Amino acid sequence: MLWAYIVAIRHTLTLWLLLVALPLATGCAPEPEPESQTQDIINVQHTVADLAPFTTDGCSMFPDGTRSAPTRWQHCCVEHDFAYYIGGTRAERRAADAALADCVEESASGALGNLMWAGVRLGGTPGLPTWWRWGYGWKYDPFDGYRDLPQELLDAAETEILAYLDDPTAPIPYEEREGDAVAEALSAIPQLGDHIDAVLDEVDRLDEEADD
């Protein structure tokens, strides 16, 4: 019994030498892919040529204003889209979302500003291929949506925004985009439904307040 055990061990060691140790010693083992090649497969490389023209849909799945003032805080969302079109770091996204909340608060109410802030924090992630995601001017990259952009790319994005400002196109009214925008938002992030409902309730309250 002991001898059979020793023979089995010898056979195992022989196989290991033939299959693993010998190829490594003679240089026959496959070489790993260079790190740069692996990185290129994982991360999408942004280029000026890939940058899409700037577009804005206003406040996306949220209304741009009340019934009596349909574009009351639309400018807040367009400015927010400038930042989201360009993209950048996590800190830059947080700053853009905070600026949106402040602008909506000044234009409407603090409650609405907070609700829209919560909505964009939840729904604006670069990890989902929505048209309003952080960095939507560039190719979708699910693995590296936050990044420091080189000056060349920042300059190209600024040029597109300036071209839009020279000949701006107003976002289509909320009623015309509501169905598709809300459906896509809820498909990507079901939790957004509660935020949308709360925003609509606050918009109704603002309308009632304006009627008084």
N, C-alpha and C. Protein backbone atom coordinates (compact mmCIF):
# COMPACT_ATOMS: atom_id res chain seq x y z
N MET A 1 0.83 -1.21 0.00
CA MET A 1 0.00 0.00 0.00
C MET A 1 0.87 1.26 0.00
N LEU A 2 1.93 1.27 0.83
CA LEU A 2 2.82 2.43 0.90
C LEU A 2 3.56 2.61 -0.41
N TRP A 3 3.98 1.47 -1.00
CA TRP A 3 4.71 1.55 -2.27
C TRP A 3 3.84 2.13 -3.38
N ALA A 4 2.57 1.74 -3.44
CA ALA A 4 1.66 2.27 -4.46
C ALA A 4 1.48 3.77 -4.29
N TYR A 5 1.46 4.22 -3.05
CA TYR A 5 1.31 5.65 -2.77
C TYR A 5 2.52 6.43 -3.27
N ILE A 6 3.73 5.85 -3.04
CA ILE A 6 4.96 6.50 -3.48
C ILE A 6 5.01 6.58 -5.00
N VAL A 7 4.60 5.51 -5.68
CA VAL A 7 4.58 5.49 -7.15
C VAL A 7 3.64 6.56 -7.69
N ALA A 8 2.47 6.72 -7.05
CA ALA A 8 1.50 7.72 -7.50
C ALA A 8 2.08 9.13 -7.40
N ILE A 9 2.79 9.37 -6.27
CA ILE A 9 3.42 10.69 -6.10
C ILE A 9 4.45 10.94 -7.17
N ARG A 10 5.26 9.93 -7.50
CA ARG A 10 6.30 10.08 -8.52
C ARG A 10 5.68 10.39 -9.88
N HIS A 11 4.58 9.72 -10.19
CA HIS A 11 3.89 9.98 -11.47
C HIS A 11 3.37 11.42 -11.52
N THR A 12 2.82 11.90 -10.40
CA THR A 12 2.30 13.27 -10.35
C THR A 12 3.42 14.29 -10.56
N LEU A 13 4.56 14.06 -9.89
CA LEU A 13 5.69 14.98 -10.05
C LEU A 13 6.22 14.97 -11.48
N THR A 14 6.24 13.80 -12.10
CA THR A 14 6.72 13.71 -13.49
C THR A 14 5.82 14.51 -14.42
N LEU A 15 4.51 14.36 -14.25
CA LEU A 15 3.58 15.11 -15.09
C LEU A 15 3.74 16.61 -14.89
N TRP A 16 3.94 17.03 -13.64
CA TRP A 16 4.11 18.47 -13.35
C TRP A 16 5.36 19.01 -14.06
N LEU A 17 6.45 18.22 -14.02
CA LEU A 17 7.69 18.65 -14.68
C LEU A 17 7.49 18.78 -16.19
N LEU A 18 6.77 17.85 -16.78
CA LEU A 18 6.56 17.86 -18.23
C LEU A 18 5.64 18.99 -18.67
N LEU A 19 4.58 19.23 -17.90
CA LEU A 19 3.54 20.16 -18.33
C LEU A 19 3.79 21.60 -17.89
N VAL A 20 4.48 21.81 -16.77
CA VAL A 20 4.61 23.16 -16.21
C VAL A 20 6.05 23.62 -16.12
N ALA A 21 6.86 22.88 -15.37
CA ALA A 21 8.20 23.36 -15.08
C ALA A 21 9.08 23.41 -16.33
N LEU A 22 9.03 22.38 -17.18
CA LEU A 22 9.90 22.34 -18.35
C LEU A 22 9.59 23.45 -19.34
N PRO A 23 8.30 23.72 -19.72
CA PRO A 23 8.02 24.84 -20.62
C PRO A 23 8.48 26.17 -20.06
N LEU A 24 8.32 26.39 -18.76
CA LEU A 24 8.77 27.65 -18.15
C LEU A 24 10.29 27.78 -18.24
N ALA A 25 10.98 26.70 -17.99
CA ALA A 25 12.44 26.75 -17.99
C ALA A 25 13.00 26.97 -19.38
N THR A 26 12.32 26.45 -20.43
CA THR A 26 12.83 26.55 -21.80
C THR A 26 12.26 27.74 -22.54
N GLY A 27 11.45 28.55 -21.88
CA GLY A 27 10.91 29.74 -22.53
C GLY A 27 9.73 29.46 -23.44
N CYS A 28 9.08 28.30 -23.30
CA CYS A 28 7.95 27.94 -24.16
C CYS A 28 6.62 28.39 -23.63
N ALA A 29 6.57 28.90 -22.42
CA ALA A 29 5.29 29.33 -21.86
C ALA A 29 4.80 30.56 -22.60
N PRO A 30 3.45 30.69 -22.81
CA PRO A 30 2.92 31.85 -23.52
C PRO A 30 3.19 33.14 -22.77
N GLU A 31 3.55 34.20 -23.50
CA GLU A 31 3.81 35.49 -22.87
C GLU A 31 2.49 36.21 -22.59
N PRO A 32 2.39 36.86 -21.43
CA PRO A 32 1.16 37.61 -21.14
C PRO A 32 1.03 38.80 -22.07
N GLU A 33 -0.23 39.22 -22.34
CA GLU A 33 -0.45 40.39 -23.19
C GLU A 33 0.10 41.62 -22.49
N PRO A 34 0.68 42.53 -23.25
CA PRO A 34 1.13 43.79 -22.63
C PRO A 34 -0.02 44.47 -21.92
N GLU A 35 0.30 45.15 -20.81
CA GLU A 35 -0.74 45.80 -20.01
C GLU A 35 -1.50 46.83 -20.81
N SER A 36 -0.81 47.54 -21.71
CA SER A 36 -1.46 48.58 -22.48
C SER A 36 -2.54 48.01 -23.39
N GLN A 37 -2.28 46.81 -23.98
CA GLN A 37 -3.27 46.20 -24.85
C GLN A 37 -4.50 45.80 -24.04
N THR A 38 -4.28 45.23 -22.86
CA THR A 38 -5.41 44.85 -22.02
C THR A 38 -6.22 46.08 -21.62
N GLN A 39 -5.53 47.17 -21.29
CA GLN A 39 -6.21 48.40 -20.89
C GLN A 39 -7.05 48.94 -22.03
N ASP A 40 -6.54 48.86 -23.27
CA ASP A 40 -7.29 49.37 -24.41
C ASP A 40 -8.56 48.58 -24.64
N ILE A 41 -8.52 47.27 -24.33
CA ILE A 41 -9.72 46.45 -24.50
C ILE A 41 -10.78 46.82 -23.47
N ILE A 42 -10.33 47.12 -22.24
CA ILE A 42 -11.27 47.40 -21.16
C ILE A 42 -11.84 48.81 -21.27
N ASN A 43 -10.99 49.79 -21.52
CA ASN A 43 -11.40 51.19 -21.50
C ASN A 43 -11.52 51.76 -22.90
N VAL A 44 -12.61 52.49 -23.14
CA VAL A 44 -12.80 53.18 -24.41
C VAL A 44 -11.92 54.42 -24.42
N GLN A 45 -11.16 54.60 -25.48
CA GLN A 45 -10.29 55.77 -25.59
C GLN A 45 -11.04 56.89 -26.30
N HIS A 46 -11.24 58.02 -25.62
CA HIS A 46 -11.92 59.16 -26.21
C HIS A 46 -10.98 59.89 -27.17
N THR A 47 -11.54 60.33 -28.30
CA THR A 47 -10.79 61.13 -29.27
C THR A 47 -11.67 62.27 -29.73
N VAL A 48 -11.03 63.31 -30.25
CA VAL A 48 -11.77 64.46 -30.77
C VAL A 48 -12.71 64.03 -31.89
N ALA A 49 -12.25 63.10 -32.72
CA ALA A 49 -13.06 62.65 -33.86
C ALA A 49 -14.35 61.97 -33.42
N ASP A 50 -14.35 61.39 -32.23
CA ASP A 50 -15.53 60.66 -31.74
C ASP A 50 -16.54 61.56 -31.04
N LEU A 51 -16.18 62.81 -30.77
CA LEU A 51 -17.07 63.70 -30.02
C LEU A 51 -18.31 64.05 -30.84
N ALA A 52 -19.48 63.82 -30.26
CA ALA A 52 -20.74 64.14 -30.94
C ALA A 52 -21.04 65.63 -30.79
N PRO A 53 -21.79 66.22 -31.72
CA PRO A 53 -22.21 67.61 -31.56
C PRO A 53 -23.04 67.76 -30.28
N PHE A 54 -22.98 68.93 -29.67
CA PHE A 54 -23.74 69.14 -28.44
C PHE A 54 -25.23 69.19 -28.73
N THR A 55 -25.99 68.48 -27.92
CA THR A 55 -27.45 68.54 -27.96
C THR A 55 -27.96 68.56 -26.52
N THR A 56 -29.14 69.10 -26.34
CA THR A 56 -29.76 69.11 -25.02
C THR A 56 -31.24 68.80 -25.16
N ASP A 57 -31.76 68.05 -24.22
CA ASP A 57 -33.20 67.78 -24.19
C ASP A 57 -33.84 68.47 -22.99
N GLY A 58 -33.20 69.55 -22.52
CA GLY A 58 -33.76 70.23 -21.36
C GLY A 58 -33.57 69.40 -20.11
N CYS A 59 -34.64 69.17 -19.39
CA CYS A 59 -34.57 68.46 -18.11
C CYS A 59 -34.86 66.97 -18.25
N SER A 60 -34.69 66.44 -19.46
CA SER A 60 -34.82 65.01 -19.72
C SER A 60 -36.17 64.47 -19.24
N MET A 61 -36.18 63.63 -18.21
CA MET A 61 -37.42 62.99 -17.77
C MET A 61 -38.20 63.85 -16.79
N PHE A 62 -37.68 65.05 -16.47
CA PHE A 62 -38.40 65.98 -15.60
C PHE A 62 -38.94 67.14 -16.42
N PRO A 63 -40.02 67.76 -15.98
CA PRO A 63 -40.54 68.95 -16.69
C PRO A 63 -39.53 70.10 -16.63
N ASP A 64 -39.58 70.97 -17.65
CA ASP A 64 -38.71 72.14 -17.70
C ASP A 64 -39.31 73.35 -16.99
N GLY A 65 -40.55 73.21 -16.54
CA GLY A 65 -41.23 74.31 -15.88
C GLY A 65 -42.64 73.88 -15.50
N THR A 66 -43.45 74.85 -15.14
CA THR A 66 -44.84 74.59 -14.78
C THR A 66 -45.73 74.76 -16.01
N ARG A 67 -47.02 74.46 -15.86
CA ARG A 67 -47.95 74.65 -16.99
C ARG A 67 -48.05 76.12 -17.36
N SER A 68 -48.02 76.99 -16.38
CA SER A 68 -48.13 78.42 -16.66
C SER A 68 -46.81 79.03 -17.13
N ALA A 69 -45.69 78.39 -16.82
CA ALA A 69 -44.36 78.86 -17.24
C ALA A 69 -43.54 77.64 -17.66
N PRO A 70 -43.75 77.13 -18.88
CA PRO A 70 -43.21 75.82 -19.29
C PRO A 70 -41.69 75.72 -19.31
N THR A 71 -40.99 76.85 -19.37
CA THR A 71 -39.52 76.80 -19.41
C THR A 71 -38.90 77.51 -18.19
N ARG A 72 -39.60 77.51 -17.09
CA ARG A 72 -39.21 78.30 -15.92
C ARG A 72 -37.81 77.97 -15.42
N TRP A 73 -37.42 76.70 -15.40
CA TRP A 73 -36.06 76.32 -14.96
C TRP A 73 -35.32 75.53 -16.03
N GLN A 74 -35.75 75.67 -17.28
CA GLN A 74 -35.10 74.95 -18.37
C GLN A 74 -33.63 75.34 -18.52
N HIS A 75 -33.33 76.64 -18.31
CA HIS A 75 -31.95 77.10 -18.45
C HIS A 75 -31.02 76.38 -17.47
N CYS A 76 -31.55 76.01 -16.31
CA CYS A 76 -30.74 75.27 -15.33
C CYS A 76 -30.30 73.93 -15.91
N CYS A 77 -31.23 73.28 -16.59
CA CYS A 77 -30.95 71.95 -17.14
C CYS A 77 -30.03 72.03 -18.35
N VAL A 78 -30.17 73.08 -19.16
CA VAL A 78 -29.28 73.23 -20.31
C VAL A 78 -27.85 73.45 -19.83
N GLU A 79 -27.68 74.30 -18.82
CA GLU A 79 -26.34 74.50 -18.26
C GLU A 79 -25.79 73.21 -17.63
N HIS A 80 -26.67 72.46 -17.01
CA HIS A 80 -26.28 71.16 -16.45
C HIS A 80 -25.84 70.21 -17.56
N ASP A 81 -26.53 70.29 -18.71
CA ASP A 81 -26.15 69.44 -19.84
C ASP A 81 -24.79 69.82 -20.40
N PHE A 82 -24.41 71.09 -20.32
CA PHE A 82 -23.06 71.47 -20.76
C PHE A 82 -22.03 70.62 -20.00
N ALA A 83 -22.19 70.53 -18.70
CA ALA A 83 -21.24 69.78 -17.89
C ALA A 83 -21.34 68.28 -18.17
N TYR A 84 -22.56 67.76 -18.31
CA TYR A 84 -22.73 66.33 -18.54
C TYR A 84 -22.25 65.92 -19.93
N TYR A 85 -22.38 66.79 -20.89
CA TYR A 85 -21.88 66.52 -22.24
C TYR A 85 -20.36 66.31 -22.21
N ILE A 86 -19.67 67.17 -21.48
CA ILE A 86 -18.21 67.08 -21.40
C ILE A 86 -17.77 65.89 -20.54
N GLY A 87 -18.41 65.71 -19.38
CA GLY A 87 -18.00 64.66 -18.47
C GLY A 87 -16.77 65.07 -17.67
N GLY A 88 -16.06 64.08 -17.14
CA GLY A 88 -14.88 64.36 -16.33
C GLY A 88 -14.84 63.50 -15.09
N THR A 89 -14.42 64.08 -13.98
CA THR A 89 -14.21 63.33 -12.75
C THR A 89 -15.49 63.23 -11.92
N ARG A 90 -15.44 62.40 -10.89
CA ARG A 90 -16.56 62.30 -9.96
C ARG A 90 -16.83 63.64 -9.27
N ALA A 91 -15.76 64.32 -8.88
CA ALA A 91 -15.92 65.60 -8.20
C ALA A 91 -16.58 66.63 -9.12
N GLU A 92 -16.23 66.62 -10.38
CA GLU A 92 -16.85 67.55 -11.34
C GLU A 92 -18.32 67.24 -11.53
N ARG A 93 -18.68 65.97 -11.51
CA ARG A 93 -20.10 65.63 -11.62
C ARG A 93 -20.86 66.08 -10.37
N ARG A 94 -20.28 65.87 -9.20
CA ARG A 94 -20.95 66.33 -7.98
C ARG A 94 -21.16 67.84 -8.01
N ALA A 95 -20.17 68.58 -8.49
CA ALA A 95 -20.29 70.03 -8.57
C ALA A 95 -21.39 70.44 -9.55
N ALA A 96 -21.48 69.75 -10.68
CA ALA A 96 -22.52 70.06 -11.68
C ALA A 96 -23.91 69.80 -11.12
N ASP A 97 -24.07 68.71 -10.37
CA ASP A 97 -25.38 68.38 -9.80
C ASP A 97 -25.76 69.37 -8.70
N ALA A 98 -24.78 69.80 -7.93
CA ALA A 98 -25.06 70.81 -6.89
C ALA A 98 -25.46 72.13 -7.51
N ALA A 99 -24.81 72.50 -8.62
CA ALA A 99 -25.16 73.74 -9.32
C ALA A 99 -26.57 73.67 -9.88
N LEU A 100 -26.98 72.50 -10.37
CA LEU A 100 -28.35 72.33 -10.85
C LEU A 100 -29.34 72.56 -9.72
N ALA A 101 -29.10 71.96 -8.58
CA ALA A 101 -30.00 72.11 -7.44
C ALA A 101 -30.12 73.57 -7.02
N ASP A 102 -29.00 74.28 -6.98
CA ASP A 102 -29.03 75.70 -6.60
C ASP A 102 -29.82 76.52 -7.61
N CYS A 103 -29.60 76.24 -8.89
CA CYS A 103 -30.29 77.00 -9.94
C CYS A 103 -31.79 76.77 -9.89
N VAL A 104 -32.21 75.51 -9.73
CA VAL A 104 -33.64 75.20 -9.67
C VAL A 104 -34.26 75.81 -8.41
N GLU A 105 -33.52 75.81 -7.31
CA GLU A 105 -34.02 76.44 -6.09
C GLU A 105 -34.28 77.92 -6.32
N GLU A 106 -33.35 78.61 -6.98
CA GLU A 106 -33.52 80.03 -7.25
C GLU A 106 -34.67 80.30 -8.22
N SER A 107 -34.88 79.37 -9.15
CA SER A 107 -35.90 79.56 -10.18
C SER A 107 -37.27 79.08 -9.76
N ALA A 108 -37.34 78.16 -8.80
CA ALA A 108 -38.63 77.56 -8.44
C ALA A 108 -38.76 77.38 -6.93
N SER A 109 -38.12 76.33 -6.40
CA SER A 109 -38.22 76.08 -4.96
C SER A 109 -37.09 75.17 -4.52
N GLY A 110 -36.77 75.25 -3.24
CA GLY A 110 -35.75 74.37 -2.69
C GLY A 110 -36.14 72.92 -2.74
N ALA A 111 -37.43 72.64 -2.55
CA ALA A 111 -37.90 71.25 -2.60
C ALA A 111 -37.67 70.66 -3.99
N LEU A 112 -38.00 71.44 -5.03
CA LEU A 112 -37.80 70.94 -6.38
C LEU A 112 -36.32 70.77 -6.69
N GLY A 113 -35.50 71.72 -6.24
CA GLY A 113 -34.06 71.60 -6.45
C GLY A 113 -33.50 70.34 -5.82
N ASN A 114 -33.94 70.01 -4.62
CA ASN A 114 -33.47 68.80 -3.94
C ASN A 114 -33.93 67.54 -4.65
N LEU A 115 -35.18 67.56 -5.13
CA LEU A 115 -35.70 66.39 -5.82
C LEU A 115 -34.98 66.14 -7.14
N MET A 116 -34.72 67.21 -7.87
CA MET A 116 -34.03 67.04 -9.15
C MET A 116 -32.57 66.65 -8.91
N TRP A 117 -31.97 67.17 -7.85
CA TRP A 117 -30.61 66.75 -7.49
C TRP A 117 -30.57 65.24 -7.23
N ALA A 118 -31.52 64.76 -6.44
CA ALA A 118 -31.56 63.32 -6.13
C ALA A 118 -31.78 62.50 -7.40
N GLY A 119 -32.61 63.03 -8.30
CA GLY A 119 -32.88 62.31 -9.54
C GLY A 119 -31.65 62.18 -10.42
N VAL A 120 -30.90 63.27 -10.58
CA VAL A 120 -29.72 63.21 -11.45
C VAL A 120 -28.59 62.44 -10.80
N ARG A 121 -28.51 62.47 -9.46
CA ARG A 121 -27.50 61.66 -8.80
C ARG A 121 -27.75 60.17 -9.05
N LEU A 122 -29.01 59.80 -9.06
CA LEU A 122 -29.37 58.40 -9.28
C LEU A 122 -29.32 58.04 -10.76
N GLY A 123 -29.88 58.91 -11.60
CA GLY A 123 -30.05 58.55 -13.01
C GLY A 123 -28.93 58.98 -13.94
N GLY A 124 -28.03 59.86 -13.49
CA GLY A 124 -27.01 60.38 -14.39
C GLY A 124 -25.71 59.61 -14.41
N THR A 125 -25.68 58.44 -13.80
CA THR A 125 -24.46 57.64 -13.74
C THR A 125 -23.90 57.36 -15.14
N PRO A 126 -22.57 57.41 -15.29
CA PRO A 126 -21.97 57.07 -16.59
C PRO A 126 -21.94 55.58 -16.86
N GLY A 127 -22.36 54.78 -15.87
CA GLY A 127 -22.31 53.33 -16.04
C GLY A 127 -23.44 52.76 -16.86
N LEU A 128 -24.44 53.57 -17.20
CA LEU A 128 -25.57 53.10 -18.02
C LEU A 128 -25.60 53.86 -19.34
N PRO A 129 -25.97 53.20 -20.44
CA PRO A 129 -25.91 53.83 -21.77
C PRO A 129 -27.11 54.72 -22.09
N THR A 130 -27.50 55.57 -21.13
CA THR A 130 -28.60 56.50 -21.39
C THR A 130 -28.06 57.72 -22.14
N TRP A 131 -28.93 58.43 -22.82
CA TRP A 131 -28.47 59.57 -23.61
C TRP A 131 -28.12 60.77 -22.73
N TRP A 132 -28.51 60.76 -21.47
CA TRP A 132 -28.23 61.89 -20.58
C TRP A 132 -27.11 61.57 -19.58
N ARG A 133 -26.43 60.47 -19.75
CA ARG A 133 -25.41 60.03 -18.78
C ARG A 133 -24.27 61.05 -18.68
N TRP A 134 -23.52 60.98 -17.62
CA TRP A 134 -22.31 61.79 -17.45
C TRP A 134 -21.33 61.47 -18.57
N GLY A 135 -20.90 62.50 -19.31
CA GLY A 135 -19.99 62.30 -20.43
C GLY A 135 -20.68 61.81 -21.69
N TYR A 136 -21.95 62.23 -21.90
CA TYR A 136 -22.71 61.67 -23.03
C TYR A 136 -22.21 62.14 -24.39
N GLY A 137 -21.32 63.13 -24.43
CA GLY A 137 -20.77 63.55 -25.71
C GLY A 137 -19.78 62.56 -26.29
N TRP A 138 -19.26 61.66 -25.44
CA TRP A 138 -18.25 60.70 -25.87
C TRP A 138 -18.86 59.31 -26.02
N LYS A 139 -18.07 58.39 -26.56
CA LYS A 139 -18.51 57.01 -26.65
C LYS A 139 -18.77 56.45 -25.26
N TYR A 140 -19.79 55.62 -25.16
CA TYR A 140 -20.13 54.99 -23.88
C TYR A 140 -19.02 54.07 -23.42
N ASP A 141 -18.62 54.23 -22.18
CA ASP A 141 -17.59 53.39 -21.58
C ASP A 141 -18.08 52.90 -20.23
N PRO A 142 -18.54 51.65 -20.12
CA PRO A 142 -19.10 51.16 -18.86
C PRO A 142 -18.08 50.96 -17.75
N PHE A 143 -16.78 50.95 -18.10
CA PHE A 143 -15.75 50.65 -17.10
C PHE A 143 -15.01 51.89 -16.61
N ASP A 144 -15.06 52.97 -17.36
CA ASP A 144 -14.25 54.14 -16.99
C ASP A 144 -15.01 55.42 -17.35
N GLY A 145 -16.19 55.59 -16.76
CA GLY A 145 -17.01 56.75 -17.07
C GLY A 145 -16.52 58.03 -16.45
N TYR A 146 -15.68 57.93 -15.42
CA TYR A 146 -15.09 59.10 -14.79
C TYR A 146 -13.61 59.15 -15.16
N ARG A 147 -13.15 60.30 -15.60
CA ARG A 147 -11.73 60.42 -15.97
C ARG A 147 -11.34 61.88 -16.10
N ASP A 148 -10.05 62.14 -15.92
CA ASP A 148 -9.51 63.46 -16.22
C ASP A 148 -9.36 63.58 -17.73
N LEU A 149 -9.97 64.60 -18.31
CA LEU A 149 -9.89 64.77 -19.76
C LEU A 149 -8.70 65.66 -20.11
N PRO A 150 -7.92 65.29 -21.11
CA PRO A 150 -6.81 66.15 -21.52
C PRO A 150 -7.34 67.44 -22.14
N GLN A 151 -6.51 68.46 -22.16
CA GLN A 151 -6.94 69.78 -22.63
C GLN A 151 -7.46 69.75 -24.06
N GLU A 152 -6.89 68.91 -24.89
CA GLU A 152 -7.34 68.81 -26.28
C GLU A 152 -8.82 68.44 -26.36
N LEU A 153 -9.24 67.49 -25.52
CA LEU A 153 -10.64 67.06 -25.53
C LEU A 153 -11.54 68.12 -24.91
N LEU A 154 -11.07 68.77 -23.86
CA LEU A 154 -11.85 69.84 -23.24
C LEU A 154 -12.07 70.98 -24.23
N ASP A 155 -11.04 71.33 -24.99
CA ASP A 155 -11.16 72.40 -25.98
C ASP A 155 -12.16 72.03 -27.07
N ALA A 156 -12.12 70.78 -27.50
CA ALA A 156 -13.05 70.32 -28.54
C ALA A 156 -14.50 70.39 -28.05
N ALA A 157 -14.73 69.97 -26.82
CA ALA A 157 -16.09 70.01 -26.26
C ALA A 157 -16.57 71.45 -26.11
N GLU A 158 -15.68 72.33 -25.66
CA GLU A 158 -16.05 73.74 -25.51
C GLU A 158 -16.40 74.35 -26.87
N THR A 159 -15.69 73.96 -27.91
CA THR A 159 -15.99 74.45 -29.26
C THR A 159 -17.39 74.04 -29.70
N GLU A 160 -17.78 72.81 -29.39
CA GLU A 160 -19.12 72.33 -29.74
C GLU A 160 -20.19 73.09 -28.98
N ILE A 161 -19.94 73.37 -27.71
CA ILE A 161 -20.91 74.11 -26.90
C ILE A 161 -21.05 75.54 -27.41
N LEU A 162 -19.93 76.17 -27.76
CA LEU A 162 -19.99 77.53 -28.30
C LEU A 162 -20.74 77.56 -29.63
N ALA A 163 -20.57 76.53 -30.43
CA ALA A 163 -21.31 76.45 -31.70
C ALA A 163 -22.81 76.36 -31.44
N TYR A 164 -23.18 75.61 -30.42
CA TYR A 164 -24.60 75.52 -30.06
C TYR A 164 -25.12 76.88 -29.58
N LEU A 165 -24.34 77.57 -28.76
CA LEU A 165 -24.77 78.87 -28.23
C LEU A 165 -24.89 79.92 -29.32
N ASP A 166 -24.11 79.78 -30.39
CA ASP A 166 -24.23 80.70 -31.53
C ASP A 166 -25.54 80.49 -32.29
N ASP A 167 -26.03 79.26 -32.28
CA ASP A 167 -27.27 78.94 -32.99
C ASP A 167 -28.06 77.90 -32.19
N PRO A 168 -28.59 78.31 -31.03
CA PRO A 168 -29.23 77.33 -30.13
C PRO A 168 -30.54 76.79 -30.70
N THR A 169 -30.77 75.52 -30.40
CA THR A 169 -32.03 74.86 -30.74
C THR A 169 -32.75 74.55 -29.44
N ALA A 170 -33.94 75.05 -29.28
CA ALA A 170 -34.68 74.83 -28.04
C ALA A 170 -35.03 73.35 -27.88
N PRO A 171 -34.92 72.83 -26.68
CA PRO A 171 -35.35 71.44 -26.44
C PRO A 171 -36.83 71.26 -26.78
N ILE A 172 -37.18 70.07 -27.22
CA ILE A 172 -38.59 69.82 -27.51
C ILE A 172 -39.38 69.88 -26.20
N PRO A 173 -40.64 70.27 -26.25
CA PRO A 173 -41.43 70.38 -25.01
C PRO A 173 -41.49 69.05 -24.26
N TYR A 174 -41.64 69.18 -22.95
CA TYR A 174 -41.66 67.99 -22.10
C TYR A 174 -42.75 67.01 -22.52
N GLU A 175 -43.90 67.53 -22.89
CA GLU A 175 -45.02 66.66 -23.26
C GLU A 175 -44.69 65.78 -24.46
N GLU A 176 -43.82 66.27 -25.34
CA GLU A 176 -43.48 65.52 -26.54
C GLU A 176 -42.38 64.48 -26.29
N ARG A 177 -41.60 64.67 -25.26
CA ARG A 177 -40.53 63.71 -24.97
C ARG A 177 -40.84 62.85 -23.76
N GLU A 178 -41.92 63.19 -23.07
CA GLU A 178 -42.22 62.55 -21.78
C GLU A 178 -42.26 61.04 -21.87
N GLY A 179 -43.00 60.52 -22.87
CA GLY A 179 -43.17 59.07 -22.95
C GLY A 179 -41.86 58.33 -23.10
N ASP A 180 -41.06 58.69 -24.12
CA ASP A 180 -39.81 57.99 -24.38
C ASP A 180 -38.80 58.21 -23.26
N ALA A 181 -38.70 59.45 -22.78
CA ALA A 181 -37.72 59.75 -21.75
C ALA A 181 -38.01 58.99 -20.47
N VAL A 182 -39.26 59.04 -20.04
CA VAL A 182 -39.62 58.36 -18.80
C VAL A 182 -39.49 56.86 -18.95
N ALA A 183 -39.92 56.32 -20.09
CA ALA A 183 -39.83 54.87 -20.31
C ALA A 183 -38.39 54.39 -20.27
N GLU A 184 -37.49 55.14 -20.93
CA GLU A 184 -36.08 54.73 -20.92
C GLU A 184 -35.47 54.88 -19.54
N ALA A 185 -35.84 55.96 -18.86
CA ALA A 185 -35.30 56.17 -17.52
C ALA A 185 -35.71 55.04 -16.59
N LEU A 186 -36.99 54.68 -16.61
CA LEU A 186 -37.47 53.63 -15.71
C LEU A 186 -36.95 52.26 -16.11
N SER A 187 -36.71 52.07 -17.42
CA SER A 187 -36.14 50.80 -17.86
C SER A 187 -34.72 50.64 -17.33
N ALA A 188 -33.96 51.74 -17.35
CA ALA A 188 -32.58 51.68 -16.88
C ALA A 188 -32.50 51.67 -15.36
N ILE A 189 -33.34 52.50 -14.73
CA ILE A 189 -33.26 52.67 -13.27
C ILE A 189 -34.69 52.73 -12.71
N PRO A 190 -35.28 51.61 -12.35
CA PRO A 190 -36.68 51.59 -11.89
C PRO A 190 -36.93 52.51 -10.69
N GLN A 191 -35.92 52.71 -9.84
CA GLN A 191 -36.11 53.55 -8.64
C GLN A 191 -36.42 55.01 -8.98
N LEU A 192 -36.15 55.40 -10.23
CA LEU A 192 -36.40 56.78 -10.62
C LEU A 192 -37.89 57.11 -10.63
N GLY A 193 -38.74 56.10 -10.67
CA GLY A 193 -40.18 56.34 -10.71
C GLY A 193 -40.64 57.19 -9.54
N ASP A 194 -40.15 56.91 -8.34
CA ASP A 194 -40.55 57.68 -7.16
C ASP A 194 -40.10 59.14 -7.28
N HIS A 195 -38.90 59.36 -7.82
CA HIS A 195 -38.40 60.73 -7.98
C HIS A 195 -39.23 61.50 -9.00
N ILE A 196 -39.57 60.84 -10.10
CA ILE A 196 -40.38 61.51 -11.12
C ILE A 196 -41.74 61.90 -10.55
N ASP A 197 -42.37 60.99 -9.82
CA ASP A 197 -43.67 61.28 -9.22
C ASP A 197 -43.57 62.45 -8.23
N ALA A 198 -42.52 62.46 -7.44
CA ALA A 198 -42.36 63.54 -6.46
C ALA A 198 -42.12 64.88 -7.14
N VAL A 199 -41.34 64.88 -8.23
CA VAL A 199 -41.11 66.11 -8.99
C VAL A 199 -42.43 66.62 -9.57
N LEU A 200 -43.21 65.74 -10.15
CA LEU A 200 -44.50 66.15 -10.74
C LEU A 200 -45.44 66.71 -9.67
N ASP A 201 -45.42 66.12 -8.48
CA ASP A 201 -46.25 66.64 -7.39
C ASP A 201 -45.81 68.06 -7.00
N GLU A 202 -44.51 68.29 -6.95
CA GLU A 202 -44.01 69.62 -6.59
C GLU A 202 -44.32 70.63 -7.69
N VAL A 203 -44.25 70.20 -8.94
CA VAL A 203 -44.61 71.09 -10.06
C VAL A 203 -46.08 71.47 -9.97
N ASP A 204 -46.93 70.51 -9.65
CA ASP A 204 -48.36 70.82 -9.46
C ASP A 204 -48.55 71.82 -8.33
N ARG A 205 -47.80 71.66 -7.26
CA ARG A 205 -47.92 72.59 -6.14
C ARG A 205 -47.51 74.00 -6.55
N LEU A 206 -46.45 74.09 -7.34
CA LEU A 206 -46.00 75.40 -7.81
C LEU A 206 -47.03 76.03 -8.74
N ASP A 207 -47.70 75.21 -9.53
CA ASP A 207 -48.76 75.73 -10.40
C ASP A 207 -49.92 76.28 -9.57
N GLU A 208 -50.30 75.52 -8.54
CA GLU A 208 -51.39 75.98 -7.66
C GLU A 208 -51.00 77.26 -6.94
N GLU A 209 -49.75 77.33 -6.54
CA GLU A 209 -49.26 78.54 -5.86
C GLU A 209 -49.30 79.74 -6.80
N ALA A 210 -49.00 79.52 -8.08
CA ALA A 210 -49.02 80.62 -9.05
C ALA A 210 -50.44 81.08 -9.33
N ASP A 211 -51.41 80.15 -9.21
CA ASP A 211 -52.81 80.50 -9.49
C ASP A 211 -53.44 81.30 -8.34
N ASP A 212 -52.88 81.16 -7.14
CA ASP A 212 -53.47 81.85 -5.98
C ASP A 212 -53.21 83.36 -6.00
